[in-house]
Amino acid sequence: MASVNTYILNNKEYPIEIIRKNNKNTYLRVKEGKIIVTTNYLTSSFTINKLIKDNTSFINKALLKDNQKKEDTSFKLFGITYDIVYGFPNTEIEDNKIYTKDEKTLNKYLSKYITNIYKERLDHYYNIFEEQIPIPNLKIRKMTSRWGVCNIKNHNVTLNSELSKYNIECLNYVIVHELSHFIHPNHSKDFWLLVGKYYPNYKEVRRYLKNNT
């Protein structure tokens, strides 16, 4: 005979299955996202609830470990592969792992994190440009055929969100490339000389992007 209740961890419900048998003892285990209590017919609900409450720490760890087994995946961020571990209340990056609550929380965190990196890199190269260029307005979106776009009229620099998957040097190169278009709106010899002035190994990075997309 079995009955089912629920256990809540990080705003997520997990079923509690109570199995009653002709057992002498009571056992508690966590399996496949479910808390299972096996006991006898005489054990009261109060006793079962107290057992669960007294073992909260064990249950939480077991559920998080179970979630990790089921939902672990990987994500590439600026050339580094991170394992994603779901089921944690706060989002943190530590030792090539991203600990987070769920996919929605992760996406929100990464969007802000990536935007901050893009902005910091754009500000950095804008500040070291000796040539007179307008303050760029950063736009980020996924593009299928370009890594970046410079709109001279609106002072917009649009960067491909997919650059966040590659080594940070790829982002640096594309930023220099687009800022250089404020001076040379073409791909003339002078344009490439300007790119090389602020990013000397641009040929290597261009080749890498071409061969890895």
N, C-alpha and C. Protein backbone atom coordinates (compact mmCIF):
# COMPACT_ATOMS: atom_id res chain seq x y z
N MET A 1 0.85 -1.20 0.00
CA MET A 1 0.00 0.00 0.00
C MET A 1 0.89 1.25 0.00
N ALA A 2 0.59 2.20 -0.91
CA ALA A 2 1.44 3.38 -1.03
C ALA A 2 0.60 4.64 -1.08
N SER A 3 1.13 5.73 -0.50
CA SER A 3 0.51 7.05 -0.61
C SER A 3 1.58 8.04 -1.01
N VAL A 4 1.18 9.16 -1.61
CA VAL A 4 2.15 10.11 -2.15
C VAL A 4 1.87 11.51 -1.62
N ASN A 5 2.90 12.18 -1.10
CA ASN A 5 2.85 13.59 -0.72
C ASN A 5 3.91 14.31 -1.53
N THR A 6 4.22 15.55 -1.17
CA THR A 6 5.25 16.28 -1.90
C THR A 6 6.26 16.92 -0.96
N TYR A 7 7.47 17.10 -1.49
CA TYR A 7 8.57 17.73 -0.77
C TYR A 7 9.05 18.87 -1.66
N ILE A 8 9.26 20.05 -1.08
CA ILE A 8 9.63 21.22 -1.88
C ILE A 8 11.08 21.62 -1.60
N LEU A 9 11.85 21.76 -2.69
CA LEU A 9 13.24 22.22 -2.61
C LEU A 9 13.47 23.20 -3.75
N ASN A 10 13.91 24.43 -3.41
CA ASN A 10 14.16 25.48 -4.41
C ASN A 10 12.93 25.71 -5.29
N ASN A 11 11.77 25.78 -4.65
CA ASN A 11 10.49 26.03 -5.34
C ASN A 11 10.10 24.94 -6.33
N LYS A 12 10.69 23.78 -6.19
CA LYS A 12 10.36 22.65 -7.06
C LYS A 12 9.80 21.52 -6.20
N GLU A 13 8.72 20.92 -6.66
CA GLU A 13 8.08 19.85 -5.90
C GLU A 13 8.63 18.48 -6.28
N TYR A 14 8.88 17.67 -5.25
CA TYR A 14 9.32 16.29 -5.45
C TYR A 14 8.33 15.37 -4.72
N PRO A 15 7.95 14.29 -5.34
CA PRO A 15 6.98 13.39 -4.70
C PRO A 15 7.59 12.62 -3.54
N ILE A 16 6.79 12.44 -2.50
CA ILE A 16 7.16 11.58 -1.37
C ILE A 16 6.25 10.35 -1.45
N GLU A 17 6.84 9.22 -1.67
CA GLU A 17 6.05 7.98 -1.75
C GLU A 17 6.22 7.20 -0.46
N ILE A 18 5.12 6.91 0.19
CA ILE A 18 5.14 6.15 1.44
C ILE A 18 4.63 4.74 1.15
N ILE A 19 5.50 3.79 1.32
CA ILE A 19 5.16 2.38 1.06
C ILE A 19 5.04 1.65 2.40
N ARG A 20 3.88 1.09 2.64
CA ARG A 20 3.66 0.38 3.90
C ARG A 20 3.67 -1.13 3.65
N LYS A 21 4.52 -1.80 4.44
CA LYS A 21 4.64 -3.26 4.35
C LYS A 21 4.70 -3.83 5.76
N ASN A 22 4.84 -5.12 5.81
CA ASN A 22 5.01 -5.77 7.12
C ASN A 22 6.47 -5.69 7.55
N ASN A 23 6.99 -4.46 7.56
CA ASN A 23 8.37 -4.24 7.94
C ASN A 23 8.48 -3.96 9.44
N LYS A 24 9.62 -4.31 9.99
CA LYS A 24 9.87 -3.99 11.39
C LYS A 24 10.44 -2.58 11.50
N ASN A 25 11.29 -2.20 10.53
CA ASN A 25 11.95 -0.90 10.57
C ASN A 25 11.42 0.03 9.48
N THR A 26 11.83 1.28 9.58
CA THR A 26 11.45 2.30 8.59
C THR A 26 12.69 2.76 7.84
N TYR A 27 12.58 2.85 6.52
CA TYR A 27 13.71 3.22 5.68
C TYR A 27 13.36 4.44 4.82
N LEU A 28 14.36 5.29 4.61
CA LEU A 28 14.17 6.47 3.75
C LEU A 28 15.27 6.49 2.69
N ARG A 29 14.87 6.70 1.45
CA ARG A 29 15.85 6.79 0.37
C ARG A 29 15.36 7.76 -0.69
N VAL A 30 16.29 8.23 -1.50
CA VAL A 30 15.96 9.13 -2.62
C VAL A 30 16.37 8.44 -3.91
N LYS A 31 15.41 8.32 -4.82
CA LYS A 31 15.67 7.64 -6.09
C LYS A 31 14.91 8.32 -7.21
N GLU A 32 15.64 8.69 -8.27
CA GLU A 32 15.04 9.28 -9.47
C GLU A 32 14.11 10.45 -9.15
N GLY A 33 14.59 11.36 -8.29
CA GLY A 33 13.83 12.55 -7.96
C GLY A 33 12.64 12.31 -7.06
N LYS A 34 12.63 11.20 -6.37
CA LYS A 34 11.51 10.86 -5.50
C LYS A 34 12.03 10.45 -4.12
N ILE A 35 11.36 10.93 -3.06
CA ILE A 35 11.68 10.50 -1.70
C ILE A 35 10.79 9.31 -1.37
N ILE A 36 11.40 8.21 -1.03
CA ILE A 36 10.65 6.98 -0.77
C ILE A 36 10.83 6.58 0.70
N VAL A 37 9.72 6.45 1.40
CA VAL A 37 9.73 5.99 2.79
C VAL A 37 9.04 4.64 2.84
N THR A 38 9.78 3.64 3.27
CA THR A 38 9.21 2.30 3.42
C THR A 38 9.06 2.00 4.91
N THR A 39 7.87 1.71 5.32
CA THR A 39 7.61 1.51 6.75
C THR A 39 6.49 0.49 6.95
N ASN A 40 6.09 0.29 8.21
CA ASN A 40 5.01 -0.68 8.49
C ASN A 40 3.67 0.03 8.62
N TYR A 41 2.64 -0.74 8.81
CA TYR A 41 1.28 -0.20 8.84
C TYR A 41 0.98 0.61 10.10
N LEU A 42 1.80 0.46 11.13
CA LEU A 42 1.53 1.12 12.40
C LEU A 42 2.20 2.49 12.53
N THR A 43 3.14 2.79 11.65
CA THR A 43 3.86 4.06 11.75
C THR A 43 2.93 5.24 11.42
N SER A 44 2.89 6.21 12.33
CA SER A 44 1.98 7.35 12.15
C SER A 44 2.54 8.36 11.15
N SER A 45 1.66 9.20 10.63
CA SER A 45 2.07 10.26 9.71
C SER A 45 3.01 11.24 10.42
N PHE A 46 2.75 11.48 11.70
CA PHE A 46 3.62 12.36 12.48
C PHE A 46 5.05 11.83 12.50
N THR A 47 5.20 10.54 12.73
CA THR A 47 6.53 9.92 12.78
C THR A 47 7.23 10.01 11.42
N ILE A 48 6.47 9.79 10.36
CA ILE A 48 7.05 9.86 9.01
C ILE A 48 7.49 11.29 8.69
N ASN A 49 6.65 12.26 9.02
CA ASN A 49 7.00 13.66 8.77
C ASN A 49 8.22 14.09 9.57
N LYS A 50 8.32 13.59 10.81
CA LYS A 50 9.48 13.91 11.65
C LYS A 50 10.74 13.28 11.05
N LEU A 51 10.62 12.07 10.53
CA LEU A 51 11.75 11.39 9.89
C LEU A 51 12.26 12.22 8.71
N ILE A 52 11.34 12.71 7.91
CA ILE A 52 11.71 13.52 6.74
C ILE A 52 12.36 14.83 7.18
N LYS A 53 11.76 15.47 8.20
CA LYS A 53 12.29 16.74 8.70
C LYS A 53 13.69 16.56 9.28
N ASP A 54 13.90 15.48 10.01
CA ASP A 54 15.21 15.21 10.63
C ASP A 54 16.28 14.89 9.60
N ASN A 55 15.86 14.49 8.40
CA ASN A 55 16.82 14.10 7.36
C ASN A 55 16.82 15.08 6.18
N THR A 56 16.42 16.32 6.46
CA THR A 56 16.34 17.34 5.40
C THR A 56 17.68 17.52 4.67
N SER A 57 18.77 17.59 5.44
CA SER A 57 20.08 17.81 4.83
C SER A 57 20.44 16.68 3.86
N PHE A 58 20.22 15.45 4.29
CA PHE A 58 20.48 14.28 3.44
C PHE A 58 19.61 14.30 2.19
N ILE A 59 18.33 14.61 2.36
CA ILE A 59 17.40 14.62 1.23
C ILE A 59 17.79 15.69 0.21
N ASN A 60 18.12 16.89 0.70
CA ASN A 60 18.50 17.98 -0.20
C ASN A 60 19.73 17.62 -1.03
N LYS A 61 20.75 17.09 -0.37
CA LYS A 61 21.96 16.70 -1.08
C LYS A 61 21.69 15.61 -2.10
N ALA A 62 20.87 14.65 -1.72
CA ALA A 62 20.56 13.54 -2.61
C ALA A 62 19.77 14.01 -3.83
N LEU A 63 18.82 14.93 -3.62
CA LEU A 63 18.02 15.46 -4.73
C LEU A 63 18.87 16.28 -5.68
N LEU A 64 19.76 17.12 -5.13
CA LEU A 64 20.64 17.93 -5.97
C LEU A 64 21.59 17.05 -6.77
N LYS A 65 22.09 16.00 -6.14
CA LYS A 65 22.96 15.06 -6.84
C LYS A 65 22.21 14.34 -7.94
N ASP A 66 20.96 13.99 -7.65
CA ASP A 66 20.12 13.31 -8.64
C ASP A 66 19.83 14.24 -9.82
N ASN A 67 19.56 15.51 -9.52
CA ASN A 67 19.33 16.49 -10.58
C ASN A 67 20.56 16.65 -11.45
N GLN A 68 21.72 16.64 -10.79
CA GLN A 68 22.98 16.79 -11.52
C GLN A 68 23.17 15.66 -12.51
N LYS A 69 22.88 14.46 -12.10
CA LYS A 69 23.03 13.30 -12.99
C LYS A 69 22.11 13.42 -14.20
N LYS A 70 20.89 13.92 -13.98
CA LYS A 70 19.90 13.96 -15.05
C LYS A 70 20.09 15.15 -15.98
N GLU A 71 20.53 16.30 -15.41
CA GLU A 71 20.48 17.52 -16.20
C GLU A 71 21.83 18.12 -16.53
N ASP A 72 22.91 17.50 -16.11
CA ASP A 72 24.22 18.03 -16.43
C ASP A 72 24.38 18.16 -17.93
N THR A 73 24.92 19.26 -18.34
CA THR A 73 25.25 19.46 -19.75
C THR A 73 26.46 20.38 -19.77
N SER A 74 26.88 20.81 -20.93
CA SER A 74 28.04 21.68 -21.02
C SER A 74 27.72 22.91 -21.84
N PHE A 75 28.49 23.95 -21.62
CA PHE A 75 28.27 25.22 -22.29
C PHE A 75 29.63 25.87 -22.52
N LYS A 76 29.84 26.38 -23.73
CA LYS A 76 31.11 27.00 -24.05
C LYS A 76 30.98 28.51 -23.89
N LEU A 77 31.84 29.08 -23.08
CA LEU A 77 31.80 30.50 -22.79
C LEU A 77 33.20 31.08 -22.96
N PHE A 78 33.37 31.90 -24.00
CA PHE A 78 34.64 32.52 -24.34
C PHE A 78 35.78 31.50 -24.40
N GLY A 79 35.49 30.40 -25.08
CA GLY A 79 36.51 29.40 -25.36
C GLY A 79 36.71 28.36 -24.27
N ILE A 80 36.03 28.51 -23.15
CA ILE A 80 36.16 27.56 -22.05
C ILE A 80 34.87 26.76 -21.92
N THR A 81 34.99 25.45 -21.82
CA THR A 81 33.81 24.60 -21.67
C THR A 81 33.46 24.44 -20.19
N TYR A 82 32.24 24.78 -19.85
CA TYR A 82 31.76 24.68 -18.47
C TYR A 82 30.69 23.59 -18.38
N ASP A 83 30.74 22.82 -17.32
CA ASP A 83 29.66 21.88 -17.01
C ASP A 83 28.57 22.66 -16.29
N ILE A 84 27.32 22.45 -16.69
CA ILE A 84 26.20 23.12 -16.05
C ILE A 84 25.54 22.17 -15.06
N VAL A 85 25.40 22.61 -13.84
CA VAL A 85 24.81 21.80 -12.78
C VAL A 85 23.56 22.51 -12.28
N TYR A 86 22.40 21.91 -12.51
CA TYR A 86 21.13 22.52 -12.12
C TYR A 86 20.74 22.12 -10.69
N GLY A 87 19.83 22.91 -10.11
CA GLY A 87 19.28 22.57 -8.81
C GLY A 87 19.84 23.37 -7.65
N PHE A 88 20.68 24.39 -7.95
CA PHE A 88 21.27 25.20 -6.89
C PHE A 88 20.56 26.55 -6.81
N PRO A 89 20.40 27.10 -5.61
CA PRO A 89 19.62 28.34 -5.45
C PRO A 89 20.25 29.56 -6.10
N ASN A 90 21.59 29.62 -6.11
CA ASN A 90 22.29 30.78 -6.67
C ASN A 90 23.13 30.36 -7.88
N THR A 91 23.29 31.28 -8.82
CA THR A 91 24.11 31.00 -10.00
C THR A 91 25.53 31.46 -9.75
N GLU A 92 26.48 30.53 -9.87
CA GLU A 92 27.89 30.83 -9.65
C GLU A 92 28.74 30.07 -10.65
N ILE A 93 29.86 30.68 -11.04
CA ILE A 93 30.83 30.03 -11.91
C ILE A 93 32.05 29.69 -11.07
N GLU A 94 32.39 28.42 -11.02
CA GLU A 94 33.50 27.97 -10.18
C GLU A 94 34.10 26.69 -10.73
N ASP A 95 35.43 26.70 -10.90
CA ASP A 95 36.16 25.51 -11.34
C ASP A 95 35.54 24.87 -12.59
N ASN A 96 35.35 25.69 -13.62
CA ASN A 96 34.80 25.20 -14.90
C ASN A 96 33.42 24.58 -14.76
N LYS A 97 32.69 25.00 -13.75
CA LYS A 97 31.30 24.57 -13.58
C LYS A 97 30.42 25.80 -13.37
N ILE A 98 29.21 25.73 -13.91
CA ILE A 98 28.21 26.77 -13.67
C ILE A 98 27.09 26.15 -12.84
N TYR A 99 26.97 26.59 -11.61
CA TYR A 99 25.91 26.10 -10.73
C TYR A 99 24.72 27.06 -10.82
N THR A 100 23.54 26.53 -11.09
CA THR A 100 22.38 27.40 -11.26
C THR A 100 21.10 26.68 -10.88
N LYS A 101 20.02 27.43 -10.78
CA LYS A 101 18.74 26.86 -10.36
C LYS A 101 18.08 26.07 -11.49
N ASP A 102 17.91 26.71 -12.64
CA ASP A 102 17.25 26.07 -13.78
C ASP A 102 17.68 26.79 -15.05
N GLU A 103 17.17 26.32 -16.19
CA GLU A 103 17.59 26.87 -17.48
C GLU A 103 17.21 28.34 -17.63
N LYS A 104 16.03 28.71 -17.16
CA LYS A 104 15.58 30.10 -17.26
C LYS A 104 16.50 31.03 -16.49
N THR A 105 16.85 30.62 -15.28
CA THR A 105 17.75 31.42 -14.44
C THR A 105 19.12 31.52 -15.09
N LEU A 106 19.60 30.41 -15.66
CA LEU A 106 20.91 30.39 -16.31
C LEU A 106 20.94 31.35 -17.50
N ASN A 107 19.92 31.30 -18.34
CA ASN A 107 19.88 32.16 -19.52
C ASN A 107 19.89 33.64 -19.14
N LYS A 108 19.17 33.98 -18.09
CA LYS A 108 19.13 35.37 -17.62
C LYS A 108 20.50 35.79 -17.11
N TYR A 109 21.15 34.91 -16.37
CA TYR A 109 22.48 35.20 -15.82
C TYR A 109 23.50 35.36 -16.95
N LEU A 110 23.49 34.43 -17.91
CA LEU A 110 24.47 34.47 -19.00
C LEU A 110 24.27 35.69 -19.88
N SER A 111 23.03 36.08 -20.12
CA SER A 111 22.75 37.26 -20.93
C SER A 111 23.40 38.50 -20.32
N LYS A 112 23.26 38.65 -19.02
CA LYS A 112 23.85 39.79 -18.33
C LYS A 112 25.37 39.68 -18.29
N TYR A 113 25.87 38.47 -18.03
CA TYR A 113 27.31 38.24 -17.95
C TYR A 113 27.98 38.55 -19.28
N ILE A 114 27.42 38.02 -20.37
CA ILE A 114 27.99 38.21 -21.71
C ILE A 114 27.93 39.67 -22.12
N THR A 115 26.81 40.33 -21.84
CA THR A 115 26.67 41.75 -22.18
C THR A 115 27.73 42.58 -21.47
N ASN A 116 28.01 42.28 -20.22
CA ASN A 116 29.03 43.01 -19.46
C ASN A 116 30.41 42.82 -20.07
N ILE A 117 30.72 41.59 -20.50
CA ILE A 117 32.02 41.33 -21.13
C ILE A 117 32.13 42.09 -22.45
N TYR A 118 31.10 42.01 -23.28
CA TYR A 118 31.11 42.73 -24.56
C TYR A 118 31.31 44.23 -24.33
N LYS A 119 30.58 44.78 -23.38
CA LYS A 119 30.67 46.22 -23.11
C LYS A 119 32.06 46.60 -22.60
N GLU A 120 32.61 45.78 -21.72
CA GLU A 120 33.94 46.07 -21.17
C GLU A 120 34.99 46.06 -22.27
N ARG A 121 34.91 45.09 -23.18
CA ARG A 121 35.87 44.98 -24.28
C ARG A 121 35.71 46.13 -25.27
N LEU A 122 34.47 46.49 -25.57
CA LEU A 122 34.22 47.61 -26.49
C LEU A 122 34.74 48.91 -25.90
N ASP A 123 34.46 49.15 -24.63
CA ASP A 123 34.95 50.36 -23.96
C ASP A 123 36.47 50.40 -23.95
N HIS A 124 37.08 49.25 -23.72
CA HIS A 124 38.54 49.17 -23.67
C HIS A 124 39.15 49.63 -24.99
N TYR A 125 38.69 49.07 -26.09
CA TYR A 125 39.29 49.42 -27.38
C TYR A 125 38.89 50.82 -27.85
N TYR A 126 37.72 51.25 -27.49
CA TYR A 126 37.35 52.64 -27.81
C TYR A 126 38.31 53.61 -27.13
N ASN A 127 38.65 53.34 -25.90
CA ASN A 127 39.50 54.24 -25.12
C ASN A 127 40.95 54.26 -25.59
N ILE A 128 41.42 53.20 -26.25
CA ILE A 128 42.81 53.21 -26.71
C ILE A 128 42.94 53.67 -28.16
N PHE A 129 41.83 53.85 -28.86
CA PHE A 129 41.90 54.36 -30.23
C PHE A 129 42.40 55.81 -30.21
N GLU A 130 43.48 56.07 -30.93
CA GLU A 130 44.02 57.43 -31.01
C GLU A 130 43.25 58.28 -32.01
N GLU A 131 42.64 57.61 -32.99
CA GLU A 131 41.87 58.31 -34.00
C GLU A 131 40.55 58.81 -33.39
N GLN A 132 40.03 59.87 -33.95
CA GLN A 132 38.77 60.45 -33.47
C GLN A 132 37.60 59.63 -33.99
N ILE A 133 36.95 58.89 -33.10
CA ILE A 133 35.78 58.09 -33.48
C ILE A 133 34.64 58.39 -32.50
N PRO A 134 33.40 58.23 -32.93
CA PRO A 134 32.26 58.50 -32.04
C PRO A 134 32.15 57.44 -30.95
N ILE A 135 31.52 57.80 -29.85
CA ILE A 135 31.25 56.81 -28.80
C ILE A 135 30.28 55.78 -29.35
N PRO A 136 30.68 54.51 -29.41
CA PRO A 136 29.82 53.50 -30.04
C PRO A 136 28.67 53.05 -29.13
N ASN A 137 27.54 52.79 -29.75
CA ASN A 137 26.40 52.20 -29.04
C ASN A 137 26.42 50.69 -29.28
N LEU A 138 26.49 49.93 -28.23
CA LEU A 138 26.60 48.47 -28.34
C LEU A 138 25.24 47.82 -28.59
N LYS A 139 25.20 46.96 -29.59
CA LYS A 139 24.05 46.11 -29.86
C LYS A 139 24.55 44.67 -29.95
N ILE A 140 23.79 43.75 -29.39
CA ILE A 140 24.17 42.33 -29.44
C ILE A 140 23.00 41.53 -29.99
N ARG A 141 23.26 40.75 -31.02
CA ARG A 141 22.22 39.86 -31.54
C ARG A 141 22.87 38.72 -32.32
N LYS A 142 22.13 37.67 -32.50
CA LYS A 142 22.64 36.52 -33.25
C LYS A 142 22.53 36.81 -34.73
N MET A 143 23.65 36.64 -35.43
CA MET A 143 23.69 36.86 -36.88
C MET A 143 24.25 35.62 -37.56
N THR A 144 23.78 35.34 -38.75
CA THR A 144 24.19 34.12 -39.44
C THR A 144 25.35 34.32 -40.41
N SER A 145 25.57 35.54 -40.86
CA SER A 145 26.59 35.75 -41.89
C SER A 145 27.66 36.77 -41.52
N ARG A 146 27.53 37.42 -40.38
CA ARG A 146 28.52 38.43 -39.97
C ARG A 146 28.83 38.29 -38.49
N TRP A 147 30.08 38.64 -38.17
CA TRP A 147 30.48 38.66 -36.77
C TRP A 147 30.19 40.02 -36.14
N GLY A 148 30.17 41.03 -36.98
CA GLY A 148 29.89 42.36 -36.47
C GLY A 148 29.45 43.30 -37.57
N VAL A 149 28.80 44.38 -37.18
CA VAL A 149 28.33 45.39 -38.13
C VAL A 149 28.55 46.77 -37.51
N CYS A 150 29.09 47.68 -38.32
CA CYS A 150 29.28 49.06 -37.87
C CYS A 150 28.33 49.96 -38.65
N ASN A 151 27.46 50.65 -37.95
CA ASN A 151 26.56 51.62 -38.56
C ASN A 151 27.11 53.01 -38.27
N ILE A 152 27.79 53.57 -39.25
CA ILE A 152 28.49 54.84 -39.06
C ILE A 152 27.51 55.97 -38.75
N LYS A 153 26.36 55.96 -39.40
CA LYS A 153 25.38 57.03 -39.23
C LYS A 153 24.82 57.06 -37.81
N ASN A 154 24.47 55.90 -37.28
CA ASN A 154 23.86 55.83 -35.95
C ASN A 154 24.86 55.57 -34.83
N HIS A 155 26.13 55.38 -35.21
CA HIS A 155 27.20 55.09 -34.24
C HIS A 155 26.98 53.75 -33.53
N ASN A 156 26.28 52.85 -34.18
CA ASN A 156 26.01 51.54 -33.58
C ASN A 156 27.07 50.53 -33.98
N VAL A 157 27.52 49.75 -33.01
CA VAL A 157 28.37 48.59 -33.28
C VAL A 157 27.58 47.37 -32.82
N THR A 158 27.19 46.54 -33.78
CA THR A 158 26.42 45.33 -33.47
C THR A 158 27.35 44.13 -33.50
N LEU A 159 27.38 43.38 -32.42
CA LEU A 159 28.26 42.22 -32.31
C LEU A 159 27.44 40.94 -32.23
N ASN A 160 27.94 39.91 -32.89
CA ASN A 160 27.25 38.62 -32.93
C ASN A 160 27.31 37.95 -31.56
N SER A 161 26.17 37.56 -31.05
CA SER A 161 26.13 36.90 -29.74
C SER A 161 26.90 35.58 -29.73
N GLU A 162 27.07 34.97 -30.90
CA GLU A 162 27.78 33.69 -30.99
C GLU A 162 29.27 33.83 -30.68
N LEU A 163 29.79 35.05 -30.72
CA LEU A 163 31.20 35.27 -30.38
C LEU A 163 31.49 34.86 -28.94
N SER A 164 30.46 34.83 -28.10
CA SER A 164 30.65 34.46 -26.70
C SER A 164 31.08 33.01 -26.53
N LYS A 165 30.96 32.20 -27.59
CA LYS A 165 31.36 30.80 -27.52
C LYS A 165 32.85 30.61 -27.83
N TYR A 166 33.46 31.64 -28.41
CA TYR A 166 34.84 31.52 -28.86
C TYR A 166 35.79 32.22 -27.89
N ASN A 167 37.08 31.96 -28.10
CA ASN A 167 38.10 32.61 -27.29
C ASN A 167 37.89 34.13 -27.30
N ILE A 168 38.17 34.76 -26.18
CA ILE A 168 37.94 36.20 -26.04
C ILE A 168 38.67 37.00 -27.10
N GLU A 169 39.77 36.45 -27.65
CA GLU A 169 40.52 37.16 -28.68
C GLU A 169 39.70 37.36 -29.95
N CYS A 170 38.77 36.45 -30.21
CA CYS A 170 37.89 36.61 -31.37
C CYS A 170 37.00 37.84 -31.20
N LEU A 171 36.48 38.02 -30.01
CA LEU A 171 35.66 39.20 -29.71
C LEU A 171 36.50 40.46 -29.83
N ASN A 172 37.72 40.43 -29.30
CA ASN A 172 38.61 41.59 -29.37
C ASN A 172 38.86 42.00 -30.82
N TYR A 173 39.15 41.02 -31.67
CA TYR A 173 39.43 41.31 -33.07
C TYR A 173 38.21 41.94 -33.75
N VAL A 174 37.04 41.35 -33.57
CA VAL A 174 35.84 41.86 -34.23
C VAL A 174 35.53 43.29 -33.78
N ILE A 175 35.76 43.58 -32.52
CA ILE A 175 35.53 44.94 -32.01
C ILE A 175 36.47 45.93 -32.70
N VAL A 176 37.75 45.58 -32.78
CA VAL A 176 38.71 46.46 -33.46
C VAL A 176 38.33 46.63 -34.92
N HIS A 177 37.92 45.54 -35.55
CA HIS A 177 37.49 45.57 -36.95
C HIS A 177 36.36 46.58 -37.15
N GLU A 178 35.34 46.49 -36.30
CA GLU A 178 34.17 47.37 -36.46
C GLU A 178 34.49 48.81 -36.10
N LEU A 179 35.28 49.04 -35.07
CA LEU A 179 35.66 50.41 -34.72
C LEU A 179 36.48 51.06 -35.83
N SER A 180 37.29 50.26 -36.51
CA SER A 180 38.11 50.78 -37.61
C SER A 180 37.26 51.27 -38.77
N HIS A 181 36.05 50.72 -38.88
CA HIS A 181 35.16 51.16 -39.96
C HIS A 181 34.66 52.59 -39.75
N PHE A 182 34.75 53.12 -38.54
CA PHE A 182 34.40 54.53 -38.34
C PHE A 182 35.38 55.45 -39.05
N ILE A 183 36.60 54.95 -39.27
CA ILE A 183 37.63 55.72 -39.98
C ILE A 183 37.65 55.36 -41.46
N HIS A 184 37.59 54.07 -41.74
CA HIS A 184 37.61 53.58 -43.12
C HIS A 184 36.39 52.68 -43.33
N PRO A 185 35.35 53.17 -43.99
CA PRO A 185 34.12 52.38 -44.17
C PRO A 185 34.21 51.33 -45.26
N ASN A 186 35.41 50.88 -45.55
CA ASN A 186 35.63 49.85 -46.57
C ASN A 186 36.68 48.87 -46.05
N HIS A 187 37.16 48.00 -46.92
CA HIS A 187 38.22 47.07 -46.54
C HIS A 187 39.47 47.36 -47.37
N SER A 188 39.83 48.60 -47.40
CA SER A 188 41.00 49.04 -48.15
C SER A 188 42.28 48.68 -47.40
N LYS A 189 43.41 48.96 -48.05
CA LYS A 189 44.70 48.69 -47.42
C LYS A 189 44.85 49.50 -46.14
N ASP A 190 44.39 50.76 -46.19
CA ASP A 190 44.48 51.61 -45.00
C ASP A 190 43.62 51.06 -43.85
N PHE A 191 42.48 50.47 -44.21
CA PHE A 191 41.62 49.87 -43.19
C PHE A 191 42.37 48.77 -42.45
N TRP A 192 42.98 47.86 -43.20
CA TRP A 192 43.66 46.72 -42.57
C TRP A 192 44.91 47.17 -41.81
N LEU A 193 45.54 48.25 -42.27
CA LEU A 193 46.67 48.80 -41.52
C LEU A 193 46.21 49.32 -40.16
N LEU A 194 45.02 49.92 -40.15
CA LEU A 194 44.47 50.42 -38.89
C LEU A 194 44.09 49.27 -37.96
N VAL A 195 43.48 48.24 -38.51
CA VAL A 195 43.15 47.06 -37.70
C VAL A 195 44.41 46.47 -37.10
N GLY A 196 45.47 46.34 -37.93
CA GLY A 196 46.73 45.78 -37.46
C GLY A 196 47.41 46.64 -36.41
N LYS A 197 47.15 47.92 -36.43
CA LYS A 197 47.73 48.83 -35.44
C LYS A 197 47.25 48.48 -34.03
N TYR A 198 45.98 48.14 -33.92
CA TYR A 198 45.39 47.86 -32.60
C TYR A 198 45.21 46.37 -32.32
N TYR A 199 45.33 45.58 -33.38
CA TYR A 199 45.24 44.12 -33.19
C TYR A 199 46.18 43.45 -34.19
N PRO A 200 47.47 43.38 -33.84
CA PRO A 200 48.51 42.92 -34.78
C PRO A 200 48.29 41.51 -35.34
N ASN A 201 47.75 40.60 -34.57
CA ASN A 201 47.59 39.21 -35.05
C ASN A 201 46.19 38.95 -35.60
N TYR A 202 45.60 39.97 -36.23
CA TYR A 202 44.23 39.83 -36.75
C TYR A 202 44.11 38.75 -37.80
N LYS A 203 45.17 38.52 -38.59
CA LYS A 203 45.10 37.51 -39.64
C LYS A 203 44.90 36.11 -39.05
N GLU A 204 45.58 35.86 -37.96
CA GLU A 204 45.47 34.56 -37.29
C GLU A 204 44.06 34.33 -36.76
N VAL A 205 43.48 35.35 -36.17
CA VAL A 205 42.13 35.23 -35.61
C VAL A 205 41.09 35.12 -36.71
N ARG A 206 41.27 35.88 -37.80
CA ARG A 206 40.35 35.78 -38.95
C ARG A 206 40.35 34.37 -39.51
N ARG A 207 41.54 33.80 -39.61
CA ARG A 207 41.69 32.44 -40.14
C ARG A 207 41.02 31.44 -39.20
N TYR A 208 41.19 31.65 -37.91
CA TYR A 208 40.58 30.75 -36.92
C TYR A 208 39.06 30.78 -37.04
N LEU A 209 38.48 31.97 -37.11
CA LEU A 209 37.03 32.10 -37.22
C LEU A 209 36.51 31.46 -38.51
N LYS A 210 37.26 31.63 -39.57
CA LYS A 210 36.85 31.06 -40.85
C LYS A 210 36.87 29.54 -40.81
N ASN A 211 37.87 28.98 -40.14
CA ASN A 211 38.03 27.52 -40.11
C ASN A 211 37.19 26.83 -39.04
N ASN A 212 36.61 27.60 -38.14
CA ASN A 212 35.87 26.99 -37.03
C ASN A 212 34.40 27.39 -37.00
N THR A 213 33.86 27.77 -38.14
CA THR A 213 32.44 28.11 -38.21
C THR A 213 31.79 27.38 -39.37
